[in-house]
Protein backbone atom coordinates (compact mmCIF):
# COMPACT_ATOMS: atom_id res chain seq x y z
CA UNK A 1 -39.79 18.94 -107.21
CA UNK A 2 -39.61 17.52 -103.79
CA UNK A 3 -37.43 18.83 -100.90
CA UNK A 4 -36.88 17.91 -97.36
CA UNK A 5 -37.95 14.29 -97.85
CA UNK A 6 -35.48 13.50 -95.02
CA UNK A 7 -33.53 15.75 -92.73
CA UNK A 8 -30.51 14.72 -94.55
CA UNK A 9 -31.87 16.10 -97.80
CA UNK A 10 -31.56 19.57 -96.37
CA UNK A 11 -28.08 20.07 -94.58
CA UNK A 12 -27.30 23.70 -93.23
CA UNK A 13 -24.10 24.71 -91.53
CA UNK A 14 -23.50 28.05 -90.13
CA UNK A 15 -20.39 30.18 -91.12
CA UNK A 16 -19.32 32.43 -88.22
CA UNK A 17 -16.39 34.67 -87.43
CA UNK A 18 -15.92 33.23 -84.03
CA UNK A 19 -13.46 30.47 -83.19
CA UNK A 20 -12.58 28.55 -80.18
CA UNK A 21 -9.85 29.96 -78.00
CA UNK A 22 -7.92 28.83 -74.76
CA UNK A 23 -9.53 31.57 -72.55
CA UNK A 24 -12.76 33.62 -72.25
CA UNK A 25 -15.83 33.72 -69.99
CA UNK A 26 -17.97 31.86 -72.55
CA UNK A 27 -18.02 28.13 -73.44
CA UNK A 28 -18.11 27.68 -77.21
CA UNK A 29 -20.10 24.78 -78.79
CA UNK A 30 -21.02 23.24 -81.97
CA UNK A 31 -24.78 22.08 -82.01
CA UNK A 32 -25.98 19.45 -84.50
CA UNK A 33 -29.64 18.84 -84.58
CA UNK A 34 -31.78 16.61 -86.84
CA UNK A 35 -35.64 17.41 -87.38
CA UNK A 36 -35.92 19.56 -84.45
CA UNK A 37 -36.84 23.28 -83.67
CA UNK A 38 -33.95 25.38 -82.53
CA UNK A 39 -35.75 26.95 -79.58
CA UNK A 40 -37.05 23.54 -78.39
CA UNK A 41 -33.41 22.15 -78.55
CA UNK A 42 -32.09 25.11 -76.53
CA UNK A 43 -34.76 24.68 -73.97
CA UNK A 44 -33.76 21.14 -73.77
CA UNK A 45 -30.13 21.93 -73.31
CA UNK A 46 -30.92 24.46 -70.64
CA UNK A 47 -33.05 21.86 -68.60
CA UNK A 48 -30.19 19.55 -68.62
CA UNK A 49 -27.80 22.17 -67.36
CA UNK A 50 -30.30 23.60 -64.93
CA UNK A 51 -30.06 27.08 -66.54
CA UNK A 52 -32.54 29.38 -68.25
CA UNK A 53 -32.60 28.95 -72.03
CA UNK A 54 -32.22 32.67 -72.53
CA UNK A 55 -28.70 32.35 -71.34
CA UNK A 56 -27.73 30.53 -74.31
CA UNK A 57 -26.45 32.75 -76.93
CA UNK A 58 -26.98 31.76 -80.73
CA UNK A 59 -26.82 33.28 -84.15
CA UNK A 60 -30.17 32.35 -85.79
CA UNK A 61 -33.14 29.85 -85.94
CA UNK A 62 -32.58 26.92 -88.20
CA UNK A 63 -35.18 25.00 -90.11
CA UNK A 64 -36.92 22.12 -88.18
CA UNK A 65 -37.06 19.90 -91.21
CA UNK A 66 -33.23 19.73 -91.71
CA UNK A 67 -29.96 18.48 -90.46
CA UNK A 68 -28.25 21.59 -89.12
CA UNK A 69 -25.03 22.72 -87.51
CA UNK A 70 -24.89 25.92 -85.67
CA UNK A 71 -22.73 27.46 -82.96
CA UNK A 72 -23.72 28.60 -79.61
CA UNK A 73 -22.08 30.03 -76.31
CA UNK A 74 -23.07 29.61 -72.62
CA UNK A 75 -21.34 31.86 -69.95
CA UNK A 76 -19.40 29.53 -67.60
CA UNK A 77 -20.88 26.42 -69.59
CA UNK A 78 -19.66 22.94 -68.79
CA UNK A 79 -16.44 21.88 -70.62
CA UNK A 80 -17.92 18.66 -71.99
CA UNK A 81 -20.19 17.34 -74.78
CA UNK A 82 -23.91 16.85 -74.20
CA UNK A 83 -26.53 14.77 -76.21
CA UNK A 84 -30.27 14.77 -76.46
CA UNK A 85 -32.91 12.86 -78.42
CA UNK A 86 -32.33 14.61 -81.62
CA UNK A 87 -29.32 16.82 -80.99
CA UNK A 88 -25.60 16.69 -80.04
CA UNK A 89 -23.55 19.40 -78.42
CA UNK A 90 -19.77 19.40 -78.76
CA UNK A 91 -17.55 21.58 -76.65
CA UNK A 92 -14.93 23.28 -78.70
CA UNK A 93 -13.27 25.71 -76.32
CA UNK A 94 -13.67 29.06 -74.94
CA UNK A 95 -14.56 32.55 -76.31
CA UNK A 96 -14.19 36.11 -75.17
CA UNK A 97 -17.54 37.08 -76.81
CA UNK A 98 -21.04 35.51 -76.76
CA UNK A 99 -22.46 34.18 -80.03
CA UNK A 100 -25.00 36.42 -81.76
CA UNK A 101 -26.50 37.59 -85.12
CA UNK A 102 -23.36 39.96 -85.47
CA UNK A 103 -20.98 36.96 -85.60
CA UNK A 104 -23.00 35.08 -88.12
CA UNK A 105 -21.67 35.55 -91.80
CA UNK A 106 -23.98 33.08 -93.51
CA UNK A 107 -24.97 29.50 -94.19
CA UNK A 108 -23.41 26.83 -96.28
CA UNK A 109 -26.17 24.39 -97.72
CA UNK A 110 -25.87 20.81 -99.05
CA UNK A 111 -29.19 19.92 -100.47
CA UNK A 112 -30.91 16.93 -102.42
CA UNK A 113 -33.91 17.87 -104.54
CA UNK A 114 -35.93 14.89 -105.76
CA UNK A 115 -38.26 14.37 -108.65
CA UNK A 116 -36.76 17.09 -110.86
CA UNK A 117 -38.02 17.20 -114.25
CA UNK A 118 -35.66 19.64 -115.82
CA UNK A 119 -32.51 18.47 -117.73
CA UNK A 120 -29.09 18.83 -116.45
CA UNK A 121 -28.09 21.25 -119.32
CA UNK A 122 -31.16 23.41 -118.58
CA UNK A 123 -30.25 23.64 -114.75
CA UNK A 124 -26.78 24.60 -115.52
CA UNK A 125 -27.95 27.38 -117.78
CA UNK A 126 -30.20 28.75 -115.06
CA UNK A 127 -27.24 28.54 -112.56
CA UNK A 128 -25.19 30.76 -114.82
CA UNK A 129 -28.09 33.32 -114.98
CA UNK A 130 -28.39 33.13 -111.13
CA UNK A 131 -24.69 33.69 -110.75
CA UNK A 132 -24.93 36.68 -113.09
CA UNK A 133 -28.16 38.30 -112.02
CA UNK A 134 -28.61 37.06 -108.58
CA UNK A 135 -32.11 36.26 -107.14
CA UNK A 136 -34.79 38.31 -105.26
CA UNK A 137 -33.93 38.20 -101.62
CA UNK A 138 -37.48 37.33 -100.52
CA UNK A 139 -38.54 36.08 -97.03
CA UNK A 140 -40.03 32.57 -97.59
CA UNK A 141 -42.49 30.31 -95.79
CA UNK A 142 -40.23 29.60 -92.76
CA UNK A 143 -40.65 33.26 -91.74
CA UNK A 144 -44.43 33.08 -91.53
CA UNK A 145 -45.30 30.33 -89.02
CA UNK A 146 -47.80 32.57 -87.38
CA UNK A 147 -49.65 33.18 -90.64
CA UNK A 148 -49.43 29.99 -92.41
CA UNK A 149 -53.02 29.22 -91.82
CA UNK A 150 -53.64 31.86 -94.57
CA UNK A 151 -56.24 33.70 -92.71
CA UNK A 152 -54.30 37.03 -92.06
CA UNK A 153 -51.63 38.52 -90.08
CA UNK A 154 -51.86 38.92 -86.26
CA UNK A 155 -49.75 42.07 -86.47
CA UNK A 156 -51.89 43.65 -89.27
CA UNK A 157 -55.08 43.28 -87.23
CA UNK A 158 -53.30 44.74 -84.23
CA UNK A 159 -51.99 47.61 -86.25
CA UNK A 160 -55.73 48.27 -87.21
CA UNK A 161 -56.91 48.27 -83.70
CA UNK A 162 -58.90 44.90 -84.17
CA UNK A 163 -57.44 43.27 -81.07
CA UNK A 164 -60.04 40.58 -80.61
CA UNK A 165 -59.39 39.35 -84.19
CA UNK A 166 -55.60 39.65 -83.71
CA UNK A 167 -55.96 37.46 -80.63
CA UNK A 168 -58.14 34.88 -82.30
CA UNK A 169 -55.58 34.50 -85.20
CA UNK A 170 -52.88 34.18 -82.59
CA UNK A 171 -54.49 31.59 -80.33
CA UNK A 172 -57.23 29.83 -82.11
CA UNK A 173 -56.73 29.86 -85.94
CA UNK A 174 -55.75 26.42 -86.89
CA UNK A 175 -53.21 25.37 -89.41
CA UNK A 176 -52.60 22.01 -91.18
CA UNK A 177 -49.04 22.16 -89.78
CA UNK A 178 -50.14 22.18 -86.13
CA UNK A 179 -48.81 19.54 -83.81
CA UNK A 180 -51.32 17.16 -82.26
CA UNK A 181 -51.61 18.99 -78.82
CA UNK A 182 -51.87 22.27 -80.49
CA UNK A 183 -54.56 21.04 -82.84
CA UNK A 184 -56.65 19.87 -79.92
CA UNK A 185 -56.23 23.25 -78.19
CA UNK A 186 -57.25 25.29 -81.17
CA UNK A 187 -60.20 23.05 -82.02
CA UNK A 188 -61.52 23.70 -78.51
CA UNK A 189 -60.96 27.49 -78.82
CA UNK A 190 -62.72 27.65 -82.34
CA UNK A 191 -65.64 25.66 -81.09
CA UNK A 192 -66.16 27.58 -77.88
CA UNK A 193 -64.97 31.21 -78.63
CA UNK A 194 -65.50 33.47 -76.90
CA UNK A 195 -66.42 31.32 -73.95
CA UNK A 196 -63.03 29.57 -73.77
CA UNK A 197 -62.59 28.76 -70.05
CA UNK A 198 -63.08 25.04 -70.60
CA UNK A 199 -60.01 25.00 -72.94
CA UNK A 200 -57.63 26.10 -70.13
CA UNK A 201 -56.42 22.50 -69.50
CA UNK A 202 -55.56 21.99 -73.08
CA UNK A 203 -53.25 24.94 -73.40
CA UNK A 204 -49.86 23.61 -74.63
CA UNK A 205 -47.66 26.43 -72.95
CA UNK A 206 -47.72 28.54 -69.80
CA UNK A 207 -48.35 31.81 -71.46
CA UNK A 208 -51.29 30.21 -73.53
CA UNK A 209 -52.77 29.10 -70.17
CA UNK A 210 -52.39 32.50 -68.60
CA UNK A 211 -54.24 34.15 -71.60
CA UNK A 212 -56.99 31.72 -71.50
CA UNK A 213 -57.46 32.21 -67.78
CA UNK A 214 -57.27 36.02 -68.31
CA UNK A 215 -59.82 35.97 -71.06
CA UNK A 216 -62.27 33.57 -69.29
CA UNK A 217 -62.64 36.17 -66.53
CA UNK A 218 -64.88 38.45 -68.59
CA UNK A 219 -66.02 39.48 -72.05
CA UNK A 220 -63.32 39.49 -74.71
CA UNK A 221 -63.60 43.25 -75.31
CA UNK A 222 -61.13 45.33 -77.43
CA UNK A 223 -59.57 46.44 -74.30
CA UNK A 224 -59.30 43.00 -72.60
CA UNK A 225 -57.89 41.51 -75.90
CA UNK A 226 -55.31 44.24 -76.20
CA UNK A 227 -54.21 43.71 -72.51
CA UNK A 228 -54.00 39.95 -73.10
CA UNK A 229 -51.04 40.54 -75.43
CA UNK A 230 -48.89 41.45 -72.41
CA UNK A 231 -49.12 37.76 -71.44
CA UNK A 232 -47.83 36.34 -74.82
CA UNK A 233 -44.22 34.99 -74.84
CA UNK A 234 -41.89 37.94 -75.82
CA UNK A 235 -39.80 36.02 -78.28
CA UNK A 236 -42.95 34.66 -80.13
CA UNK A 237 -44.44 38.00 -80.25
CA UNK A 238 -41.27 39.39 -81.91
CA UNK A 239 -41.66 36.63 -84.53
CA UNK A 240 -45.28 37.56 -85.01
CA UNK A 241 -44.44 41.30 -85.59
CA UNK A 242 -41.52 40.34 -87.96
CA UNK A 243 -43.73 38.00 -90.12
CA UNK A 244 -45.94 41.03 -91.06
CA UNK A 245 -42.92 43.27 -91.58
CA UNK A 246 -41.47 40.59 -93.83
CA UNK A 247 -44.67 40.31 -95.89
CA UNK A 248 -44.61 43.98 -96.49
CA UNK A 249 -40.84 43.92 -97.43
CA UNK A 250 -41.64 41.22 -100.12
CA UNK A 251 -44.43 43.32 -101.45
CA UNK A 252 -42.32 46.34 -101.85
CA UNK A 253 -39.57 44.35 -103.68
CA UNK A 254 -42.39 43.11 -106.06
CA UNK A 255 -43.56 46.66 -106.54
CA UNK A 256 -40.03 47.87 -107.40
CA UNK A 257 -39.57 45.04 -110.04
CA UNK A 258 -42.98 45.95 -111.48
CA UNK A 259 -42.01 49.66 -111.81
CA UNK A 260 -38.81 48.60 -113.48
CA UNK A 261 -40.84 46.59 -116.05
CA UNK A 262 -38.71 43.56 -115.30
CA UNK A 263 -40.13 40.43 -116.98
CA UNK A 264 -41.16 38.20 -114.11
CA UNK A 265 -43.34 35.00 -113.33
CA UNK A 266 -45.11 34.21 -110.10
CA UNK A 267 -44.43 31.37 -107.67
CA UNK A 268 -46.77 30.87 -104.73
CA UNK A 269 -45.70 30.80 -101.04
CA UNK A 270 -47.73 30.54 -97.92
CA UNK A 271 -48.99 34.03 -97.81
CA UNK A 272 -48.97 35.14 -101.51
CA UNK A 273 -46.67 35.05 -104.51
CA UNK A 274 -43.10 35.77 -105.11
CA UNK A 275 -42.17 37.22 -108.51
CA UNK A 276 -38.94 35.91 -110.09
CA UNK A 277 -36.93 37.05 -113.05
CA UNK A 278 -34.26 35.18 -115.14
CA UNK A 279 -32.54 38.25 -116.56
CA UNK A 280 -32.33 41.95 -115.65
CA UNK A 281 -32.05 44.87 -118.15
CA UNK A 282 -28.78 46.98 -117.37
CA UNK A 283 -30.62 49.90 -115.66
CA UNK A 284 -32.55 47.41 -113.40
CA UNK A 285 -29.66 45.42 -112.53
CA UNK A 286 -27.50 48.37 -111.50
CA UNK A 287 -30.16 49.80 -109.35
CA UNK A 288 -31.26 46.41 -107.81
CA UNK A 289 -27.88 45.19 -106.89
CA UNK A 290 -27.40 48.33 -104.79
CA UNK A 291 -30.99 48.60 -103.56
CA UNK A 292 -31.50 47.94 -99.81
CA UNK A 293 -35.15 48.12 -98.55
CA UNK A 294 -35.94 48.67 -95.06
CA UNK A 295 -38.42 46.84 -93.03
CA UNK A 296 -41.25 49.17 -92.04
CA UNK A 297 -41.50 50.58 -88.48
CA UNK A 298 -43.10 53.95 -87.21
CA UNK A 299 -39.69 55.38 -86.80
CA UNK A 300 -38.79 54.75 -90.51
CA UNK A 301 -38.36 58.02 -92.43
CA UNK A 302 -38.15 56.94 -96.16
CA UNK A 303 -37.87 59.46 -98.91
CA UNK A 304 -38.41 59.68 -102.70
CA UNK A 305 -39.25 56.42 -104.53
CA UNK A 306 -38.83 54.40 -101.41
CA UNK A 307 -41.54 56.32 -99.66
CA UNK A 308 -43.90 55.95 -102.64
CA UNK A 309 -43.43 52.26 -102.84
CA UNK A 310 -43.78 51.57 -99.21
CA UNK A 311 -46.83 53.72 -98.88
CA UNK A 312 -48.42 52.17 -101.89
CA UNK A 313 -48.15 48.81 -100.37
CA UNK A 314 -49.29 49.90 -97.04
CA UNK A 315 -52.51 51.66 -98.44
CA UNK A 316 -53.26 48.20 -100.15
CA UNK A 317 -53.10 46.71 -96.68
CA UNK A 318 -55.45 49.36 -95.25
CA UNK A 319 -52.65 51.27 -93.39
CA UNK A 320 -52.59 54.94 -93.97
CA UNK A 321 -48.98 55.78 -93.66
CA UNK A 322 -45.62 54.61 -92.20
CA UNK A 323 -46.36 56.42 -89.06
CA UNK A 324 -49.58 54.43 -88.71
CA UNK A 325 -47.51 51.23 -88.55
CA UNK A 326 -47.76 50.79 -84.86
CA UNK A 327 -49.95 49.18 -82.23
CA UNK A 328 -50.82 49.48 -78.50
CA UNK A 329 -50.37 45.80 -78.10
CA UNK A 330 -47.74 45.55 -75.40
CA UNK A 331 -44.62 43.77 -76.69
CA UNK A 332 -45.43 43.85 -80.37
CA UNK A 333 -42.37 45.87 -81.43
CA UNK A 334 -41.56 46.92 -85.04
CA UNK A 335 -37.86 47.56 -85.70
CA UNK A 336 -36.24 48.83 -88.91
CA UNK A 337 -33.59 46.68 -90.60
CA UNK A 338 -32.26 47.10 -94.08
CA UNK A 339 -32.08 44.15 -96.33
CA UNK A 340 -30.56 43.78 -99.92
CA UNK A 341 -33.16 43.58 -102.61
CA UNK A 342 -31.19 40.80 -104.44
CA UNK A 343 -28.71 38.32 -103.33
CA UNK A 344 -25.91 36.49 -105.14
CA UNK A 345 -25.39 32.76 -104.13
CA UNK A 346 -21.67 31.96 -103.78
CA UNK A 347 -19.83 28.62 -104.35
CA UNK A 348 -22.52 27.15 -106.40
CA UNK A 349 -21.98 23.57 -107.32
CA UNK A 350 -24.48 21.05 -108.89
CA UNK A 351 -24.68 17.51 -110.19
CA UNK A 352 -27.79 15.65 -111.35
CA UNK A 353 -28.41 11.79 -111.01
CA UNK A 354 -31.49 10.53 -112.79
CA UNK A 355 -34.35 12.59 -111.19
CA UNK A 356 -32.40 14.09 -108.24
CA UNK A 357 -30.36 17.32 -108.02
CA UNK A 358 -27.53 17.63 -105.61
CA UNK A 359 -26.66 21.42 -104.77
CA UNK A 360 -24.11 23.02 -102.79
CA UNK A 361 -23.96 26.92 -102.19
CA UNK A 362 -23.36 29.56 -99.70
CA UNK A 363 -25.76 32.46 -98.88
CA UNK A 364 -25.35 35.40 -96.65
CA UNK A 365 -27.22 35.46 -93.34
CA UNK A 366 -30.95 35.99 -93.59
CA UNK A 367 -31.31 34.60 -97.02
CA UNK A 368 -33.40 31.60 -97.88
CA UNK A 369 -32.13 28.51 -99.77
CA UNK A 370 -35.87 27.67 -100.61
CA UNK A 371 -36.10 30.87 -102.55
CA UNK A 372 -33.04 29.82 -104.61
CA UNK A 373 -34.63 26.39 -105.23
CA UNK A 374 -37.80 28.01 -106.48
CA UNK A 375 -36.03 30.33 -108.80
CA UNK A 376 -33.95 27.43 -110.23
CA UNK A 377 -36.27 24.73 -110.55
CA UNK A 378 -39.80 26.09 -110.98
CA UNK A 379 -39.61 27.85 -114.33
CA UNK A 380 -42.59 29.16 -116.49
CA UNK A 381 -43.72 26.73 -119.16
CA UNK A 382 -42.76 29.42 -121.76
CA UNK A 383 -39.03 29.05 -121.19
């Protein structure tokens, strides 16, 4: 199967519980973007308005390789539309509240999947199973941008106290998805590490320039590398921390499926394998549909089976306990959030035309359409 051949193949629209009103301190907008990163677009909007991009409130990050519609607010923002190279901002009215994750209910997807080999009857059969048993609520590739090079997790190395290695993964480790200017910068770093001063002019962002300058003033020791993390963009560092937490969460869900002796098959993603099921025996179904797995943080106090599962996964990662899931790298913060183990897509609709499949469905916030596609269209040969 092939997805995202064009941005129009992957259309996403936020469903929110905010609506435009006549009064309120916040201007409420609909943002449509095509083939663009959410943060890059927000920065572009902020530049046009001579505002800081952090003043723009939004519900979630949307896929770069897609046509997306989302909602944002700006305090005392202009009462007019705006346009950019790959985005359009429509003024809808006022709002008494800023947009945020708490106002995001989920996302409605309209997708075209190409080069699908399964017959329509088989796809409809699998859709019925998905509606009945749900799908594992895994984090997918989009969550792991800082680890998609496949060489490890920045946060894992920081937790284990290996700050020079963590910093190398953060700054220098190349990925085939890197943009041209990032590729040049990382090539310079890998060729010259740890003598990286000559790479300063190639740094693609301000914070990367600051880190290169700081590191070039002396030996990249454990202490200097740890201190360098205080210069990393805070929003980016949060994503780095969340990437490793998300991997641990995925591994915990897989561990639960194994312990319940659910019949599964593996499908690879950028940092490992997901395990998928078609059906669930009644005891497993009753447990999984109510199960919420927390993301790991040092403040988490799991008990019983949850504690056993989490600590088994952490020990495989070389981390002694939940309490050890911490680091002295400034700004790398781990927070606990509960996430449902399985999710039930709603409003599922499908039609097939030759080798293409057209799908529409709704998923609650935080769930990944690509996980649904993998479950639906990547079946083991024995089925």
